[in-house]
């Protein structure tokens, strides 16, 4: 699959410009159309404020939302003009951010959103990225808020565990993998009979080679509850600029209670992560 339409979440937050810059650079690389989507979850007014301020308070909220939309619209247009990439469009939604992104994502090939950040003025809730991952049905490129500005997808690390989610992620990332300078596959705690084949990682490496992707395969044995941190550590060791992995191989409830690789990456990612569910 090639990326011909890239959807980027372009709100009025602190980290929106970095996401738009990434989307525009990827569009140039893949010859794609970029959709900038403004979607900010409405501020929930406390009941006492509504009781005391009533209509005046609601109008102040609406005015603030209009101003934020105008600022985001202007910022997106300015970035597009600076980039010189003309195949773009701008959309705005008044729906809940996760719902709006998930809906518009169904008509795109790749979705670019940001990691939740406590210092972002556009706070959509900590669970917004997870909701988009579970609902949108498309590969999601999650950008860490502390992202180091450098090319994405030149040195890719694939986390492989034979699951349906990992299979989707690898397939969804083929466009990146075919263009990468180096691709590594890592299998954590592989066990006999869990679908890896005679040698963990070799079956997926063979499949990738038939698509023109040459990979280096590695296996690591680590504490089961520490796989997420070990994946980030390995990404640093091999200087990966992107991780590819399946999202929520366990139920979301299990991840919330026990933790999990997806949860660890959402909270602590150090490089962009392409996830599919």
C-alpha atoms as a PDB file:
ATOM      1  CA  UNK A   1       0.000   0.000   0.000  1.00  0.00           C
ATOM      2  CA  UNK A   2       1.254   3.462  -0.860  1.00  0.00           C
ATOM      3  CA  UNK A   3       0.306   6.591   1.063  1.00  0.00           C
ATOM      4  CA  UNK A   4      -1.632   8.865  -1.279  1.00  0.00           C
ATOM      5  CA  UNK A   5      -3.637  10.688   1.388  1.00  0.00           C
ATOM      6  CA  UNK A   6      -2.113  11.741   4.713  1.00  0.00           C
ATOM      7  CA  UNK A   7      -4.363  13.085   7.467  1.00  0.00           C
ATOM      8  CA  UNK A   8      -2.687  15.236  10.124  1.00  0.00           C
ATOM      9  CA  UNK A   9      -4.281  16.443  13.338  1.00  0.00           C
ATOM     10  CA  UNK A  10      -3.667  20.192  13.217  1.00  0.00           C
ATOM     11  CA  UNK A  11      -5.211  21.760  16.297  1.00  0.00           C
ATOM     12  CA  UNK A  12      -4.097  24.976  17.972  1.00  0.00           C
ATOM     13  CA  UNK A  13      -1.822  23.231  20.426  1.00  0.00           C
ATOM     14  CA  UNK A  14       1.862  23.610  21.216  1.00  0.00           C
ATOM     15  CA  UNK A  15       3.009  20.650  19.107  1.00  0.00           C
ATOM     16  CA  UNK A  16       0.711  20.931  16.077  1.00  0.00           C
ATOM     17  CA  UNK A  17       3.272  22.694  13.866  1.00  0.00           C
ATOM     18  CA  UNK A  18       5.758  19.818  14.257  1.00  0.00           C
ATOM     19  CA  UNK A  19       3.090  17.306  13.184  1.00  0.00           C
ATOM     20  CA  UNK A  20       2.138  19.372  10.144  1.00  0.00           C
ATOM     21  CA  UNK A  21       5.790  19.699   9.158  1.00  0.00           C
ATOM     22  CA  UNK A  22       6.186  15.914   9.303  1.00  0.00           C
ATOM     23  CA  UNK A  23       3.023  15.347   7.268  1.00  0.00           C
ATOM     24  CA  UNK A  24       4.139  17.791   4.571  1.00  0.00           C
ATOM     25  CA  UNK A  25       7.617  16.254   4.352  1.00  0.00           C
ATOM     26  CA  UNK A  26       6.119  12.752   4.057  1.00  0.00           C
ATOM     27  CA  UNK A  27       3.714  13.970   1.385  1.00  0.00           C
ATOM     28  CA  UNK A  28       6.625  15.212  -0.672  1.00  0.00           C
ATOM     29  CA  UNK A  29       8.443  11.911  -0.208  1.00  0.00           C
ATOM     30  CA  UNK A  30       5.434   9.755  -1.100  1.00  0.00           C
ATOM     31  CA  UNK A  31       3.766  12.127  -3.576  1.00  0.00           C
ATOM     32  CA  UNK A  32       0.685  12.351  -1.376  1.00  0.00           C
ATOM     33  CA  UNK A  33      -2.206  14.691  -0.652  1.00  0.00           C
ATOM     34  CA  UNK A  34      -2.284  16.237   2.854  1.00  0.00           C
ATOM     35  CA  UNK A  35      -5.455  16.903   4.818  1.00  0.00           C
ATOM     36  CA  UNK A  36      -5.079  19.183   7.806  1.00  0.00           C
ATOM     37  CA  UNK A  37      -7.884  18.497  10.288  1.00  0.00           C
ATOM     38  CA  UNK A  38      -8.740  20.944  13.042  1.00  0.00           C
ATOM     39  CA  UNK A  39     -10.439  19.020  15.843  1.00  0.00           C
ATOM     40  CA  UNK A  40     -10.388  20.213  19.428  1.00  0.00           C
ATOM     41  CA  UNK A  41     -12.501  18.642  22.116  1.00  0.00           C
ATOM     42  CA  UNK A  42     -14.843  21.285  23.508  1.00  0.00           C
ATOM     43  CA  UNK A  43     -14.081  22.670  26.943  1.00  0.00           C
ATOM     44  CA  UNK A  44     -16.466  21.263  29.516  1.00  0.00           C
ATOM     45  CA  UNK A  45     -17.771  24.170  31.516  1.00  0.00           C
ATOM     46  CA  UNK A  46     -18.253  23.491  35.223  1.00  0.00           C
ATOM     47  CA  UNK A  47     -21.897  23.577  36.303  1.00  0.00           C
ATOM     48  CA  UNK A  48     -21.303  26.446  38.742  1.00  0.00           C
ATOM     49  CA  UNK A  49     -19.873  28.590  35.934  1.00  0.00           C
ATOM     50  CA  UNK A  50     -22.907  27.907  33.766  1.00  0.00           C
ATOM     51  CA  UNK A  51     -25.209  28.679  36.657  1.00  0.00           C
ATOM     52  CA  UNK A  52     -23.491  31.974  37.428  1.00  0.00           C
ATOM     53  CA  UNK A  53     -22.536  33.105  33.935  1.00  0.00           C
ATOM     54  CA  UNK A  54     -25.202  31.450  31.840  1.00  0.00           C
ATOM     55  CA  UNK A  55     -25.386  32.642  28.272  1.00  0.00           C
ATOM     56  CA  UNK A  56     -22.489  35.094  28.631  1.00  0.00           C
ATOM     57  CA  UNK A  57     -20.179  32.297  29.709  1.00  0.00           C
ATOM     58  CA  UNK A  58     -21.251  30.065  26.806  1.00  0.00           C
ATOM     59  CA  UNK A  59     -20.722  32.877  24.325  1.00  0.00           C
ATOM     60  CA  UNK A  60     -17.233  33.495  25.720  1.00  0.00           C
ATOM     61  CA  UNK A  61     -16.439  29.792  25.206  1.00  0.00           C
ATOM     62  CA  UNK A  62     -17.728  29.883  21.631  1.00  0.00           C
ATOM     63  CA  UNK A  63     -15.739  33.030  20.885  1.00  0.00           C
ATOM     64  CA  UNK A  64     -12.599  31.378  22.236  1.00  0.00           C
ATOM     65  CA  UNK A  65     -13.214  28.325  20.052  1.00  0.00           C
ATOM     66  CA  UNK A  66     -13.674  30.513  16.961  1.00  0.00           C
ATOM     67  CA  UNK A  67     -10.448  32.346  17.694  1.00  0.00           C
ATOM     68  CA  UNK A  68      -8.528  29.110  18.153  1.00  0.00           C
ATOM     69  CA  UNK A  69      -9.886  27.765  14.867  1.00  0.00           C
ATOM     70  CA  UNK A  70      -8.891  30.974  13.073  1.00  0.00           C
ATOM     71  CA  UNK A  71      -5.379  30.789  14.514  1.00  0.00           C
ATOM     72  CA  UNK A  72      -4.984  27.122  13.540  1.00  0.00           C
ATOM     73  CA  UNK A  73      -6.282  27.816  10.025  1.00  0.00           C
ATOM     74  CA  UNK A  74      -3.798  30.648   9.556  1.00  0.00           C
ATOM     75  CA  UNK A  75      -0.906  28.600  10.971  1.00  0.00           C
ATOM     76  CA  UNK A  76      -1.626  25.650   8.646  1.00  0.00           C
ATOM     77  CA  UNK A  77      -1.851  27.918   5.591  1.00  0.00           C
ATOM     78  CA  UNK A  78       1.439  29.570   6.514  1.00  0.00           C
ATOM     79  CA  UNK A  79       3.219  26.215   6.877  1.00  0.00           C
ATOM     80  CA  UNK A  80       1.836  25.011   3.559  1.00  0.00           C
ATOM     81  CA  UNK A  81       3.037  28.179   1.832  1.00  0.00           C
ATOM     82  CA  UNK A  82       6.516  27.842   3.316  1.00  0.00           C
ATOM     83  CA  UNK A  83       6.762  24.198   2.303  1.00  0.00           C
ATOM     84  CA  UNK A  84       5.733  24.822  -1.294  1.00  0.00           C
ATOM     85  CA  UNK A  85       3.610  21.657  -1.289  1.00  0.00           C
ATOM     86  CA  UNK A  86       0.308  22.585  -2.907  1.00  0.00           C
ATOM     87  CA  UNK A  87      -1.666  19.344  -2.721  1.00  0.00           C
ATOM     88  CA  UNK A  88      -3.326  20.115   0.589  1.00  0.00           C
ATOM     89  CA  UNK A  89      -6.732  20.861   2.020  1.00  0.00           C
ATOM     90  CA  UNK A  90      -8.083  22.151   5.312  1.00  0.00           C
ATOM     91  CA  UNK A  91     -10.980  20.732   7.295  1.00  0.00           C
ATOM     92  CA  UNK A  92     -12.504  21.632  10.636  1.00  0.00           C
ATOM     93  CA  UNK A  93     -14.764  19.617  12.897  1.00  0.00           C
ATOM     94  CA  UNK A  94     -16.709  20.556  16.000  1.00  0.00           C
ATOM     95  CA  UNK A  95     -16.984  16.913  17.077  1.00  0.00           C
ATOM     96  CA  UNK A  96     -14.939  15.284  19.812  1.00  0.00           C
ATOM     97  CA  UNK A  97     -11.323  15.174  18.589  1.00  0.00           C
ATOM     98  CA  UNK A  98     -10.888  11.387  18.737  1.00  0.00           C
ATOM     99  CA  UNK A  99     -14.211  10.797  16.985  1.00  0.00           C
ATOM    100  CA  UNK A 100     -13.463  13.385  14.280  1.00  0.00           C
ATOM    101  CA  UNK A 101      -9.960  12.078  13.572  1.00  0.00           C
ATOM    102  CA  UNK A 102     -11.184   8.487  13.443  1.00  0.00           C
ATOM    103  CA  UNK A 103     -13.936   9.367  10.975  1.00  0.00           C
ATOM    104  CA  UNK A 104     -11.754  11.400   8.604  1.00  0.00           C
ATOM    105  CA  UNK A 105      -9.004   8.762   8.860  1.00  0.00           C
ATOM    106  CA  UNK A 106     -11.190   6.255   7.054  1.00  0.00           C
ATOM    107  CA  UNK A 107     -10.636   8.247   3.865  1.00  0.00           C
ATOM    108  CA  UNK A 108      -6.863   8.517   4.291  1.00  0.00           C
ATOM    109  CA  UNK A 109      -3.939   6.096   4.066  1.00  0.00           C
ATOM    110  CA  UNK A 110      -1.901   7.359   7.009  1.00  0.00           C
ATOM    111  CA  UNK A 111      -2.858   9.362  10.104  1.00  0.00           C
ATOM    112  CA  UNK A 112      -0.412  11.630  11.928  1.00  0.00           C
ATOM    113  CA  UNK A 113      -1.305  12.523  15.515  1.00  0.00           C
ATOM    114  CA  UNK A 114       0.654  13.503  18.602  1.00  0.00           C
ATOM    115  CA  UNK A 115       1.486  11.882  21.903  1.00  0.00           C
ATOM    116  CA  UNK A 116      -0.497  13.323  24.797  1.00  0.00           C
ATOM    117  CA  UNK A 117       1.404  16.071  26.590  1.00  0.00           C
ATOM    118  CA  UNK A 118       0.444  17.591  29.925  1.00  0.00           C
ATOM    119  CA  UNK A 119       1.752  21.017  28.895  1.00  0.00           C
ATOM    120  CA  UNK A 120      -0.235  21.249  25.647  1.00  0.00           C
ATOM    121  CA  UNK A 121      -2.868  23.969  25.583  1.00  0.00           C
ATOM    122  CA  UNK A 122      -5.063  21.730  23.404  1.00  0.00           C
ATOM    123  CA  UNK A 123      -5.753  18.979  25.926  1.00  0.00           C
ATOM    124  CA  UNK A 124      -7.960  16.344  24.320  1.00  0.00           C
ATOM    125  CA  UNK A 125      -7.566  13.916  27.175  1.00  0.00           C
ATOM    126  CA  UNK A 126      -4.846  11.390  27.814  1.00  0.00           C
ATOM    127  CA  UNK A 127      -6.791   8.605  26.119  1.00  0.00           C
ATOM    128  CA  UNK A 128      -7.265  10.369  22.772  1.00  0.00           C
ATOM    129  CA  UNK A 129      -4.370   8.606  20.942  1.00  0.00           C
ATOM    130  CA  UNK A 130      -5.553   5.208  22.196  1.00  0.00           C
ATOM    131  CA  UNK A 131      -9.106   5.903  21.079  1.00  0.00           C
ATOM    132  CA  UNK A 132      -7.932   6.856  17.592  1.00  0.00           C
ATOM    133  CA  UNK A 133      -5.773   3.730  17.374  1.00  0.00           C
ATOM    134  CA  UNK A 134      -8.700   1.497  18.270  1.00  0.00           C
ATOM    135  CA  UNK A 135     -11.333   3.246  16.166  1.00  0.00           C
ATOM    136  CA  UNK A 136      -9.802   4.578  12.954  1.00  0.00           C
ATOM    137  CA  UNK A 137      -8.901   1.360  11.107  1.00  0.00           C
ATOM    138  CA  UNK A 138      -5.792   2.978   9.591  1.00  0.00           C
ATOM    139  CA  UNK A 139      -2.077   3.041  10.396  1.00  0.00           C
ATOM    140  CA  UNK A 140      -1.344   5.811  12.875  1.00  0.00           C
ATOM    141  CA  UNK A 141       1.997   7.599  13.050  1.00  0.00           C
ATOM    142  CA  UNK A 142       2.325   8.887  16.592  1.00  0.00           C
ATOM    143  CA  UNK A 143       4.731  11.767  17.087  1.00  0.00           C
ATOM    144  CA  UNK A 144       6.404  12.175  20.496  1.00  0.00           C
ATOM    145  CA  UNK A 145       6.112  15.669  21.903  1.00  0.00           C
ATOM    146  CA  UNK A 146       9.869  15.680  22.539  1.00  0.00           C
ATOM    147  CA  UNK A 147      10.688  14.633  18.986  1.00  0.00           C
ATOM    148  CA  UNK A 148      14.183  15.363  17.716  1.00  0.00           C
ATOM    149  CA  UNK A 149      13.890  16.999  14.304  1.00  0.00           C
ATOM    150  CA  UNK A 150      15.361  14.509  11.814  1.00  0.00           C
ATOM    151  CA  UNK A 151      14.190  12.366   8.880  1.00  0.00           C
ATOM    152  CA  UNK A 152      11.655   9.661   9.712  1.00  0.00           C
ATOM    153  CA  UNK A 153      11.732   6.144   8.330  1.00  0.00           C
ATOM    154  CA  UNK A 154      15.381   5.834   7.311  1.00  0.00           C
ATOM    155  CA  UNK A 155      16.286   3.458  10.146  1.00  0.00           C
ATOM    156  CA  UNK A 156      13.221   1.455  11.190  1.00  0.00           C
ATOM    157  CA  UNK A 157      12.814  -1.040  14.024  1.00  0.00           C
ATOM    158  CA  UNK A 158       9.953  -3.536  13.705  1.00  0.00           C
ATOM    159  CA  UNK A 159       8.600  -5.160  16.869  1.00  0.00           C
ATOM    160  CA  UNK A 160       7.425  -8.609  15.766  1.00  0.00           C
ATOM    161  CA  UNK A 161       5.333 -11.038  17.844  1.00  0.00           C
ATOM    162  CA  UNK A 162       3.310 -12.888  15.116  1.00  0.00           C
ATOM    163  CA  UNK A 163       0.029 -11.275  16.226  1.00  0.00           C
ATOM    164  CA  UNK A 164      -2.712  -9.995  13.939  1.00  0.00           C
ATOM    165  CA  UNK A 165      -1.942  -6.436  15.067  1.00  0.00           C
ATOM    166  CA  UNK A 166       1.780  -6.779  14.327  1.00  0.00           C
ATOM    167  CA  UNK A 167       0.977  -8.279  10.921  1.00  0.00           C
ATOM    168  CA  UNK A 168      -1.205  -5.289  10.081  1.00  0.00           C
ATOM    169  CA  UNK A 169       1.455  -2.856  11.257  1.00  0.00           C
ATOM    170  CA  UNK A 170       4.194  -4.441   9.129  1.00  0.00           C
ATOM    171  CA  UNK A 171       1.936  -4.514   6.074  1.00  0.00           C
ATOM    172  CA  UNK A 172       0.774  -0.931   6.670  1.00  0.00           C
ATOM    173  CA  UNK A 173       4.378   0.248   6.960  1.00  0.00           C
ATOM    174  CA  UNK A 174       5.669  -1.349   3.738  1.00  0.00           C
ATOM    175  CA  UNK A 175       5.860   2.033   2.031  1.00  0.00           C
ATOM    176  CA  UNK A 176       8.313   3.173   4.707  1.00  0.00           C
ATOM    177  CA  UNK A 177      10.193  -0.122   4.852  1.00  0.00           C
ATOM    178  CA  UNK A 178      10.846  -0.248   1.103  1.00  0.00           C
ATOM    179  CA  UNK A 179      12.449   3.194   1.218  1.00  0.00           C
ATOM    180  CA  UNK A 180      14.374   2.728   4.485  1.00  0.00           C
ATOM    181  CA  UNK A 181      18.147   2.550   4.544  1.00  0.00           C
ATOM    182  CA  UNK A 182      18.097  -0.005   7.352  1.00  0.00           C
ATOM    183  CA  UNK A 183      15.364  -2.210   8.842  1.00  0.00           C
ATOM    184  CA  UNK A 184      15.660  -4.302  11.958  1.00  0.00           C
ATOM    185  CA  UNK A 185      13.196  -6.881  13.292  1.00  0.00           C
ATOM    186  CA  UNK A 186      13.205  -7.776  16.967  1.00  0.00           C
ATOM    187  CA  UNK A 187      11.240 -10.561  18.655  1.00  0.00           C
ATOM    188  CA  UNK A 188      10.974 -10.401  22.436  1.00  0.00           C
ATOM    189  CA  UNK A 189      10.606 -13.623  24.413  1.00  0.00           C
ATOM    190  CA  UNK A 190       9.728 -15.882  21.451  1.00  0.00           C
ATOM    191  CA  UNK A 191       8.455 -19.306  22.458  1.00  0.00           C
ATOM    192  CA  UNK A 192       8.257 -22.599  20.525  1.00  0.00           C
ATOM    193  CA  UNK A 193       4.905 -23.060  18.865  1.00  0.00           C
ATOM    194  CA  UNK A 194       3.819 -19.411  18.970  1.00  0.00           C
ATOM    195  CA  UNK A 195       3.943 -18.958  15.194  1.00  0.00           C
ATOM    196  CA  UNK A 196       7.491 -17.712  14.702  1.00  0.00           C
ATOM    197  CA  UNK A 197       8.627 -20.717  12.678  1.00  0.00           C
ATOM    198  CA  UNK A 198      11.894 -22.607  13.067  1.00  0.00           C
ATOM    199  CA  UNK A 199      13.836 -19.454  13.925  1.00  0.00           C
ATOM    200  CA  UNK A 200      12.055 -16.422  15.438  1.00  0.00           C
ATOM    201  CA  UNK A 201      11.868 -13.564  12.970  1.00  0.00           C
ATOM    202  CA  UNK A 202      13.031 -15.451   9.879  1.00  0.00           C
ATOM    203  CA  UNK A 203       9.556 -16.035   8.443  1.00  0.00           C
ATOM    204  CA  UNK A 204       8.643 -12.339   8.539  1.00  0.00           C
ATOM    205  CA  UNK A 205      12.113 -11.501   7.209  1.00  0.00           C
ATOM    206  CA  UNK A 206      11.558 -13.855   4.268  1.00  0.00           C
ATOM    207  CA  UNK A 207       8.173 -12.267   3.544  1.00  0.00           C
ATOM    208  CA  UNK A 208       9.685  -8.797   3.678  1.00  0.00           C
ATOM    209  CA  UNK A 209      12.549  -9.819   1.387  1.00  0.00           C
ATOM    210  CA  UNK A 210      10.028 -10.755  -1.283  1.00  0.00           C
ATOM    211  CA  UNK A 211       8.871  -7.152  -1.115  1.00  0.00           C
ATOM    212  CA  UNK A 212      12.417  -5.913  -1.574  1.00  0.00           C
ATOM    213  CA  UNK A 213      13.075  -5.203   2.107  1.00  0.00           C
ATOM    214  CA  UNK A 214      16.263  -6.645   3.586  1.00  0.00           C
ATOM    215  CA  UNK A 215      16.243  -6.876   7.371  1.00  0.00           C
ATOM    216  CA  UNK A 216      18.414  -7.793  10.317  1.00  0.00           C
ATOM    217  CA  UNK A 217      16.683 -10.091  12.799  1.00  0.00           C
ATOM    218  CA  UNK A 218      17.292 -10.263  16.543  1.00  0.00           C
ATOM    219  CA  UNK A 219      15.701 -11.969  19.523  1.00  0.00           C
ATOM    220  CA  UNK A 220      15.759 -10.780  23.108  1.00  0.00           C
ATOM    221  CA  UNK A 221      14.679 -12.381  26.362  1.00  0.00           C
ATOM    222  CA  UNK A 222      13.485  -9.787  28.857  1.00  0.00           C
ATOM    223  CA  UNK A 223      11.082  -9.602  31.821  1.00  0.00           C
ATOM    224  CA  UNK A 224       7.550  -9.877  30.420  1.00  0.00           C
ATOM    225  CA  UNK A 225       6.370  -6.630  32.010  1.00  0.00           C
ATOM    226  CA  UNK A 226       9.376  -4.710  30.705  1.00  0.00           C
ATOM    227  CA  UNK A 227       9.053  -5.368  26.962  1.00  0.00           C
ATOM    228  CA  UNK A 228       7.961  -1.795  26.205  1.00  0.00           C
ATOM    229  CA  UNK A 229      10.981  -0.247  27.915  1.00  0.00           C
ATOM    230  CA  UNK A 230      13.302  -2.775  26.298  1.00  0.00           C
ATOM    231  CA  UNK A 231      11.861  -1.925  22.883  1.00  0.00           C
ATOM    232  CA  UNK A 232      12.619   1.756  23.452  1.00  0.00           C
ATOM    233  CA  UNK A 233      16.090   0.835  24.661  1.00  0.00           C
ATOM    234  CA  UNK A 234      16.781  -1.237  21.557  1.00  0.00           C
ATOM    235  CA  UNK A 235      15.509   1.575  19.335  1.00  0.00           C
ATOM    236  CA  UNK A 236      18.077   3.849  20.955  1.00  0.00           C
ATOM    237  CA  UNK A 237      20.844   1.241  20.616  1.00  0.00           C
ATOM    238  CA  UNK A 238      20.300   0.855  16.856  1.00  0.00           C
ATOM    239  CA  UNK A 239      19.641   4.592  16.302  1.00  0.00           C
ATOM    240  CA  UNK A 240      16.159   3.873  14.965  1.00  0.00           C
ATOM    241  CA  UNK A 241      14.174   6.925  13.845  1.00  0.00           C
ATOM    242  CA  UNK A 242      10.876   5.022  13.792  1.00  0.00           C
ATOM    243  CA  UNK A 243       9.315   1.988  15.474  1.00  0.00           C
ATOM    244  CA  UNK A 244       6.662  -0.186  13.808  1.00  0.00           C
ATOM    245  CA  UNK A 245       4.415  -2.263  16.043  1.00  0.00           C
ATOM    246  CA  UNK A 246       0.923  -3.624  16.523  1.00  0.00           C
ATOM    247  CA  UNK A 247      -1.271  -1.802  19.033  1.00  0.00           C
ATOM    248  CA  UNK A 248      -3.241  -3.465  21.823  1.00  0.00           C
ATOM    249  CA  UNK A 249      -2.528  -7.115  21.273  1.00  0.00           C
ATOM    250  CA  UNK A 250      -4.171  -7.592  24.691  1.00  0.00           C
ATOM    251  CA  UNK A 251      -7.485  -6.041  25.601  1.00  0.00           C
ATOM    252  CA  UNK A 252      -7.358  -2.381  26.514  1.00  0.00           C
ATOM    253  CA  UNK A 253      -8.636  -3.252  30.006  1.00  0.00           C
ATOM    254  CA  UNK A 254      -5.675  -5.590  30.519  1.00  0.00           C
ATOM    255  CA  UNK A 255      -3.304  -2.844  29.371  1.00  0.00           C
ATOM    256  CA  UNK A 256      -4.899  -0.318  31.747  1.00  0.00           C
ATOM    257  CA  UNK A 257      -4.681  -2.665  34.724  1.00  0.00           C
ATOM    258  CA  UNK A 258      -1.449  -4.553  34.067  1.00  0.00           C
ATOM    259  CA  UNK A 259       0.347  -2.207  31.720  1.00  0.00           C
ATOM    260  CA  UNK A 260       1.549  -3.293  28.325  1.00  0.00           C
ATOM    261  CA  UNK A 261       3.804  -2.443  25.414  1.00  0.00           C
ATOM    262  CA  UNK A 262       1.268  -0.124  23.787  1.00  0.00           C
ATOM    263  CA  UNK A 263       0.680   1.772  27.002  1.00  0.00           C
ATOM    264  CA  UNK A 264       4.420   2.110  27.634  1.00  0.00           C
ATOM    265  CA  UNK A 265       5.049   3.437  24.140  1.00  0.00           C
ATOM    266  CA  UNK A 266       2.142   5.900  24.324  1.00  0.00           C
ATOM    267  CA  UNK A 267       3.477   7.277  27.587  1.00  0.00           C
ATOM    268  CA  UNK A 268       7.231   7.139  26.990  1.00  0.00           C
ATOM    269  CA  UNK A 269       7.927   7.097  23.239  1.00  0.00           C
ATOM    270  CA  UNK A 270      11.218   8.672  22.233  1.00  0.00           C
ATOM    271  CA  UNK A 271      10.873   8.299  18.443  1.00  0.00           C
ATOM    272  CA  UNK A 272       7.848   8.288  16.113  1.00  0.00           C
ATOM    273  CA  UNK A 273       5.867   5.052  16.296  1.00  0.00           C
ATOM    274  CA  UNK A 274       3.726   3.639  13.494  1.00  0.00           C
ATOM    275  CA  UNK A 275       0.973   1.551  15.072  1.00  0.00           C
ATOM    276  CA  UNK A 276      -1.905  -0.467  13.651  1.00  0.00           C
ATOM    277  CA  UNK A 277      -4.679  -2.265  15.472  1.00  0.00           C
END
